[in-house]
C-alpha atoms as a PDB file:
ATOM      1  CA  MET A   1     -12.716  16.376 -11.254  1.00  0.00           C
ATOM      2  CA  SER A   2     -11.104  14.489  -8.404  1.00  0.00           C
ATOM      3  CA  LYS A   3     -10.187  10.819  -8.537  1.00  0.00           C
ATOM      4  CA  PRO A   4      -9.662   8.219  -5.850  1.00  0.00           C
ATOM      5  CA  ILE A   5      -6.040   7.255  -5.239  1.00  0.00           C
ATOM      6  CA  LEU A   6      -4.761   3.738  -4.542  1.00  0.00           C
ATOM      7  CA  ILE A   7      -1.229   3.417  -3.141  1.00  0.00           C
ATOM      8  CA  LEU A   8       0.008  -0.161  -3.083  1.00  0.00           C
ATOM      9  CA  GLY A   9       3.223  -2.122  -2.631  1.00  0.00           C
ATOM     10  CA  PRO A  10       5.200  -4.397  -0.330  1.00  0.00           C
ATOM     11  CA  GLY A  11       6.044  -3.312   3.190  1.00  0.00           C
ATOM     12  CA  ARG A  12       8.301  -0.323   3.845  1.00  0.00           C
ATOM     13  CA  THR A  13       8.229   1.122   0.311  1.00  0.00           C
ATOM     14  CA  GLY A  14       6.886   4.541   1.333  1.00  0.00           C
ATOM     15  CA  LYS A  15       3.133   4.040   0.924  1.00  0.00           C
ATOM     16  CA  THR A  16       2.174   5.829   4.130  1.00  0.00           C
ATOM     17  CA  THR A  17       4.666   8.641   3.486  1.00  0.00           C
ATOM     18  CA  LEU A  18       3.197   9.210   0.007  1.00  0.00           C
ATOM     19  CA  ALA A  19      -0.353   9.078   1.391  1.00  0.00           C
ATOM     20  CA  ARG A  20       0.541  11.717   3.987  1.00  0.00           C
ATOM     21  CA  LEU A  21       2.187  13.950   1.374  1.00  0.00           C
ATOM     22  CA  LEU A  22      -0.930  13.763  -0.771  1.00  0.00           C
ATOM     23  CA  ARG A  23      -3.308  14.242   2.135  1.00  0.00           C
ATOM     24  CA  ALA A  24      -1.445  17.392   3.196  1.00  0.00           C
ATOM     25  CA  GLU A  25      -2.154  18.881  -0.234  1.00  0.00           C
ATOM     26  CA  LEU A  26      -5.675  17.459  -0.561  1.00  0.00           C
ATOM     27  CA  PRO A  27      -7.557  18.499   2.589  1.00  0.00           C
ATOM     28  CA  THR A  28     -10.916  17.289   1.224  1.00  0.00           C
ATOM     29  CA  TYR A  29      -9.571  13.757   0.761  1.00  0.00           C
ATOM     30  CA  ASN A  30     -10.166  11.070   3.352  1.00  0.00           C
ATOM     31  CA  LEU A  31      -7.322   8.661   4.060  1.00  0.00           C
ATOM     32  CA  LEU A  32      -8.033   4.971   4.551  1.00  0.00           C
ATOM     33  CA  HIS A  33      -4.948   3.279   5.993  1.00  0.00           C
ATOM     34  CA  ALA A  34      -5.071  -0.482   5.417  1.00  0.00           C
ATOM     35  CA  ASP A  35      -2.762  -1.471   8.271  1.00  0.00           C
ATOM     36  CA  ALA A  36      -4.694   0.584  10.823  1.00  0.00           C
ATOM     37  CA  LEU A  37      -7.972  -0.851   9.602  1.00  0.00           C
ATOM     38  CA  ARG A  38      -6.626  -4.405   9.811  1.00  0.00           C
ATOM     39  CA  ALA A  39      -5.305  -3.824  13.328  1.00  0.00           C
ATOM     40  CA  ALA A  40      -8.648  -2.419  14.467  1.00  0.00           C
ATOM     41  CA  ILE A  41     -10.562  -5.357  13.012  1.00  0.00           C
ATOM     42  CA  MET A  42      -8.181  -7.904  14.539  1.00  0.00           C
ATOM     43  CA  LYS A  43      -8.569  -6.369  18.004  1.00  0.00           C
ATOM     44  CA  GLN A  44     -12.336  -6.860  17.800  1.00  0.00           C
ATOM     45  CA  LEU A  45     -12.282 -10.479  16.638  1.00  0.00           C
ATOM     46  CA  PRO A  46     -12.971 -13.251  19.128  1.00  0.00           C
ATOM     47  CA  PRO A  47      -9.898 -15.370  19.931  1.00  0.00           C
ATOM     48  CA  ARG A  48     -11.263 -18.365  18.037  1.00  0.00           C
ATOM     49  CA  TYR A  49     -11.423 -16.384  14.773  1.00  0.00           C
ATOM     50  CA  PRO A  50      -8.591 -17.399  12.446  1.00  0.00           C
ATOM     51  CA  GLN A  51      -6.364 -14.319  12.536  1.00  0.00           C
ATOM     52  CA  GLU A  52      -4.567 -15.346   9.356  1.00  0.00           C
ATOM     53  CA  LEU A  53      -7.678 -14.449   7.340  1.00  0.00           C
ATOM     54  CA  LEU A  54      -6.733 -10.790   7.746  1.00  0.00           C
ATOM     55  CA  HIS A  55      -3.099 -11.204   6.753  1.00  0.00           C
ATOM     56  CA  TYR A  56      -2.913 -10.089   3.152  1.00  0.00           C
ATOM     57  CA  GLU A  57       0.518 -11.689   2.932  1.00  0.00           C
ATOM     58  CA  LYS A  58      -1.155 -15.102   3.244  1.00  0.00           C
ATOM     59  CA  ASN A  59      -4.390 -14.889   1.267  1.00  0.00           C
ATOM     60  CA  SER A  60      -6.850 -12.613  -0.501  1.00  0.00           C
ATOM     61  CA  HIS A  61      -9.558 -12.376   2.199  1.00  0.00           C
ATOM     62  CA  TYR A  62      -8.285  -9.088   3.562  1.00  0.00           C
ATOM     63  CA  ALA A  63      -7.652  -7.659   0.096  1.00  0.00           C
ATOM     64  CA  ASN A  64     -11.262  -8.475  -0.794  1.00  0.00           C
ATOM     65  CA  LEU A  65     -12.482  -6.831   2.401  1.00  0.00           C
ATOM     66  CA  LEU A  66     -10.338  -3.749   1.923  1.00  0.00           C
ATOM     67  CA  LEU A  67     -11.263  -3.203  -1.708  1.00  0.00           C
ATOM     68  CA  GLY A  68     -14.904  -3.867  -0.844  1.00  0.00           C
ATOM     69  CA  LEU A  69     -14.797  -1.114   1.787  1.00  0.00           C
ATOM     70  CA  PHE A  70     -13.047   1.211  -0.656  1.00  0.00           C
ATOM     71  CA  ASN A  71     -15.671   0.510  -3.324  1.00  0.00           C
ATOM     72  CA  GLU A  72     -18.576   0.972  -0.887  1.00  0.00           C
ATOM     73  CA  GLN A  73     -17.134   4.331   0.143  1.00  0.00           C
ATOM     74  CA  LEU A  74     -16.855   5.342  -3.505  1.00  0.00           C
ATOM     75  CA  GLN A  75     -20.450   4.305  -4.235  1.00  0.00           C
ATOM     76  CA  GLN A  76     -22.149   5.791  -1.180  1.00  0.00           C
ATOM     77  CA  ASP A  77     -20.387   9.030  -0.336  1.00  0.00           C
ATOM     78  CA  GLN A  78     -21.150  12.207  -2.292  1.00  0.00           C
ATOM     79  CA  ASN A  79     -17.466  13.132  -1.985  1.00  0.00           C
ATOM     80  CA  ALA A  80     -16.438   9.569  -2.696  1.00  0.00           C
ATOM     81  CA  GLN A  81     -13.836  10.461  -5.252  1.00  0.00           C
ATOM     82  CA  ASP A  82     -11.930  12.257  -2.499  1.00  0.00           C
ATOM     83  CA  LEU A  83     -10.389   9.112  -1.055  1.00  0.00           C
ATOM     84  CA  ILE A  84      -6.816   7.891  -0.655  1.00  0.00           C
ATOM     85  CA  LEU A  85      -6.293   4.216   0.095  1.00  0.00           C
ATOM     86  CA  ASP A  86      -2.923   3.398   1.608  1.00  0.00           C
ATOM     87  CA  GLY A  87      -3.663  -0.147   0.603  1.00  0.00           C
ATOM     88  CA  GLY A  88      -0.824  -2.284   1.743  1.00  0.00           C
ATOM     89  CA  THR A  89       0.013  -5.396  -0.160  1.00  0.00           C
ATOM     90  CA  ILE A  90      -2.652  -5.968  -2.769  1.00  0.00           C
ATOM     91  CA  SER A  91      -1.195  -7.545  -5.871  1.00  0.00           C
ATOM     92  CA  PRO A  92      -1.507  -5.788  -9.245  1.00  0.00           C
ATOM     93  CA  GLN A  93      -3.054  -8.935 -10.739  1.00  0.00           C
ATOM     94  CA  PHE A  94      -5.653  -9.143  -7.975  1.00  0.00           C
ATOM     95  CA  LEU A  95      -6.462  -5.443  -8.371  1.00  0.00           C
ATOM     96  CA  THR A  96      -7.001  -5.665 -12.126  1.00  0.00           C
ATOM     97  CA  ASN A  97      -9.655  -8.331 -11.494  1.00  0.00           C
ATOM     98  CA  GLN A  98     -11.648  -5.937  -9.291  1.00  0.00           C
ATOM     99  CA  ALA A  99     -13.829  -4.322 -11.941  1.00  0.00           C
ATOM    100  CA  ALA A 100     -16.054  -2.512  -9.415  1.00  0.00           C
ATOM    101  CA  VAL A 101     -13.108  -0.567  -8.027  1.00  0.00           C
ATOM    102  CA  LEU A 102     -11.632   0.145 -11.444  1.00  0.00           C
ATOM    103  CA  THR A 103     -14.884   1.664 -12.763  1.00  0.00           C
ATOM    104  CA  HIS A 104     -14.094   4.687 -10.564  1.00  0.00           C
ATOM    105  CA  GLU A 105     -10.885   5.214 -12.594  1.00  0.00           C
ATOM    106  CA  PRO A 106      -8.583   5.550  -9.594  1.00  0.00           C
ATOM    107  CA  VAL A 107      -5.051   6.824  -9.768  1.00  0.00           C
ATOM    108  CA  ILE A 108      -3.033   3.689  -8.991  1.00  0.00           C
ATOM    109  CA  VAL A 109       0.570   3.797  -7.865  1.00  0.00           C
ATOM    110  CA  PHE A 110       2.547   0.728  -6.988  1.00  0.00           C
ATOM    111  CA  LEU A 111       5.694   1.314  -4.959  1.00  0.00           C
ATOM    112  CA  GLY A 112       8.489  -1.228  -4.845  1.00  0.00           C
ATOM    113  CA  HIS A 113      12.012  -2.008  -3.691  1.00  0.00           C
ATOM    114  CA  GLY A 114      13.512  -2.047  -7.188  1.00  0.00           C
ATOM    115  CA  ASP A 115      16.271  -4.618  -7.609  1.00  0.00           C
ATOM    116  CA  LEU A 116      17.041  -5.006  -3.912  1.00  0.00           C
ATOM    117  CA  ASP A 117      17.278  -8.489  -2.471  1.00  0.00           C
ATOM    118  CA  SER A 118      16.152  -9.384   1.036  1.00  0.00           C
ATOM    119  CA  GLU A 119      19.366  -8.149   2.687  1.00  0.00           C
ATOM    120  CA  GLY A 120      19.277  -4.919   0.676  1.00  0.00           C
ATOM    121  CA  ILE A 121      15.702  -4.294   1.794  1.00  0.00           C
ATOM    122  CA  PHE A 122      16.715  -5.028   5.394  1.00  0.00           C
ATOM    123  CA  GLN A 123      19.564  -2.494   5.201  1.00  0.00           C
ATOM    124  CA  LEU A 124      17.313   0.125   3.589  1.00  0.00           C
ATOM    125  CA  ILE A 125      14.661  -0.287   6.268  1.00  0.00           C
ATOM    126  CA  ARG A 126      17.154  -0.022   9.114  1.00  0.00           C
ATOM    127  CA  LYS A 127      18.700   3.052   7.475  1.00  0.00           C
ATOM    128  CA  ASN A 128      15.321   4.797   7.183  1.00  0.00           C
ATOM    129  CA  ASP A 129      13.631   3.573  10.381  1.00  0.00           C
ATOM    130  CA  THR A 130      12.249   6.190  12.715  1.00  0.00           C
ATOM    131  CA  ALA A 131      10.909   5.618  16.223  1.00  0.00           C
ATOM    132  CA  THR A 132       7.325   5.677  14.909  1.00  0.00           C
ATOM    133  CA  ASP A 133       7.869   2.966  12.274  1.00  0.00           C
ATOM    134  CA  TRP A 134       6.530  -0.463  13.168  1.00  0.00           C
ATOM    135  CA  SER A 135       9.738  -2.022  11.853  1.00  0.00           C
ATOM    136  CA  SER A 136      11.856  -0.132  14.384  1.00  0.00           C
ATOM    137  CA  GLU A 137      10.378  -2.313  17.126  1.00  0.00           C
ATOM    138  CA  LEU A 138      11.387  -5.595  15.482  1.00  0.00           C
ATOM    139  CA  SER A 139      14.552  -7.481  16.262  1.00  0.00           C
ATOM    140  CA  ASP A 140      16.943  -7.911  13.362  1.00  0.00           C
ATOM    141  CA  SER A 141      16.028 -11.598  13.051  1.00  0.00           C
ATOM    142  CA  ASP A 142      12.286 -10.831  12.971  1.00  0.00           C
ATOM    143  CA  LEU A 143      12.799  -8.045  10.446  1.00  0.00           C
ATOM    144  CA  ARG A 144      14.856 -10.367   8.232  1.00  0.00           C
ATOM    145  CA  ILE A 145      11.883 -12.748   8.137  1.00  0.00           C
ATOM    146  CA  LYS A 146       9.710  -9.840   6.968  1.00  0.00           C
ATOM    147  CA  THR A 147      12.236  -8.627   4.407  1.00  0.00           C
ATOM    148  CA  ALA A 148      12.446 -12.100   2.870  1.00  0.00           C
ATOM    149  CA  LEU A 149       8.688 -11.851   2.298  1.00  0.00           C
ATOM    150  CA  PHE A 150       8.978  -8.277   0.994  1.00  0.00           C
ATOM    151  CA  ALA A 151      11.673  -9.336  -1.491  1.00  0.00           C
ATOM    152  CA  LYS A 152       9.532 -12.194  -2.774  1.00  0.00           C
ATOM    153  CA  GLN A 153       6.459  -9.959  -3.065  1.00  0.00           C
ATOM    154  CA  ASN A 154       8.502  -7.268  -4.775  1.00  0.00           C
ATOM    155  CA  GLN A 155       9.663  -9.641  -7.513  1.00  0.00           C
ATOM    156  CA  ILE A 156       6.173 -11.014  -8.109  1.00  0.00           C
ATOM    157  CA  TYR A 157       4.452  -7.634  -8.032  1.00  0.00           C
ATOM    158  CA  ARG A 158       7.032  -5.973 -10.264  1.00  0.00           C
ATOM    159  CA  ALA A 159       6.403  -8.648 -12.902  1.00  0.00           C
ATOM    160  CA  GLU A 160       2.634  -8.293 -12.434  1.00  0.00           C
ATOM    161  CA  CYS A 161       2.867  -4.520 -12.898  1.00  0.00           C
ATOM    162  CA  ALA A 162       4.556  -5.102 -16.239  1.00  0.00           C
ATOM    163  CA  THR A 163       1.811  -7.465 -17.418  1.00  0.00           C
ATOM    164  CA  THR A 164      -1.148  -5.461 -16.052  1.00  0.00           C
ATOM    165  CA  GLY A 165      -0.007  -2.007 -17.124  1.00  0.00           C
ATOM    166  CA  ILE A 166       0.121  -0.699 -13.553  1.00  0.00           C
ATOM    167  CA  ARG A 167       3.041   1.656 -13.063  1.00  0.00           C
ATOM    168  CA  TYR A 168       5.784   0.379 -10.748  1.00  0.00           C
ATOM    169  CA  ILE A 169       7.784   3.051  -8.916  1.00  0.00           C
ATOM    170  CA  ASP A 170      11.159   2.079  -7.443  1.00  0.00           C
ATOM    171  CA  THR A 171      11.583   3.785  -4.067  1.00  0.00           C
ATOM    172  CA  SER A 172      14.843   2.058  -3.126  1.00  0.00           C
ATOM    173  CA  GLN A 173      17.017   5.018  -4.140  1.00  0.00           C
ATOM    174  CA  ASN A 174      16.447   8.587  -2.912  1.00  0.00           C
ATOM    175  CA  ARG A 175      13.054   7.653  -1.453  1.00  0.00           C
ATOM    176  CA  SER A 176      12.147  11.106  -0.165  1.00  0.00           C
ATOM    177  CA  ALA A 177      12.849  12.781  -3.500  1.00  0.00           C
ATOM    178  CA  VAL A 178      11.076  10.029  -5.475  1.00  0.00           C
ATOM    179  CA  LEU A 179       7.973  10.283  -3.275  1.00  0.00           C
ATOM    180  CA  ALA A 180       7.935  14.095  -3.405  1.00  0.00           C
ATOM    181  CA  ARG A 181       8.129  14.061  -7.227  1.00  0.00           C
ATOM    182  CA  LEU A 182       5.488  11.354  -7.431  1.00  0.00           C
ATOM    183  CA  ALA A 183       3.138  13.297  -5.134  1.00  0.00           C
ATOM    184  CA  GLN A 184       3.488  16.391  -7.327  1.00  0.00           C
ATOM    185  CA  GLU A 185       2.850  14.321 -10.459  1.00  0.00           C
ATOM    186  CA  ILE A 186      -0.298  12.817  -8.963  1.00  0.00           C
ATOM    187  CA  LEU A 187      -1.542  16.238  -7.863  1.00  0.00           C
ATOM    188  CA  ARG A 188      -1.061  17.625 -11.378  1.00  0.00           C
ATOM    189  CA  ASN A 189      -2.996  14.721 -12.891  1.00  0.00           C
ATOM    190  CA  LEU A 190      -6.050  14.709 -10.629  1.00  0.00           C
END
């Protein structure tokens, strides 16, 4: 029996890479990429619409929307279990309060930056940036603003994982190997 997969965590922890690894091995699975969905929605909004409502870094409106879409897909589609959500930054605490999503018994993985501080996250991102990564287009000063947020989220979410029972996976060291092993583990447990 297949299960839906939720991949969560702060920015630049390897969520999209893991989703792509899984999708390559699970051709029947659909991939819902939270950042792409948010960008598409924001492009369609009238200018007067408060854009911050779709920034999951600032509030829960987008997380509610995203998990609502995920749940609707699970309820309506005959192959609904075949779904991977590259879910961006949805907190473990927020997720555990979403009973409708959890009734589908998804595989939940929460990726994080381990013990890295803001500067460590900045260095890791710059080391791993490729031309297709959104972060490669940011100036160092703009990226440092983002990494300060990522570091704060990482600390909060790591603590929330411990209290909610959601597994936290540190991708700050040997990211490619960690993600490859994690993908194989998930595949074995579906």
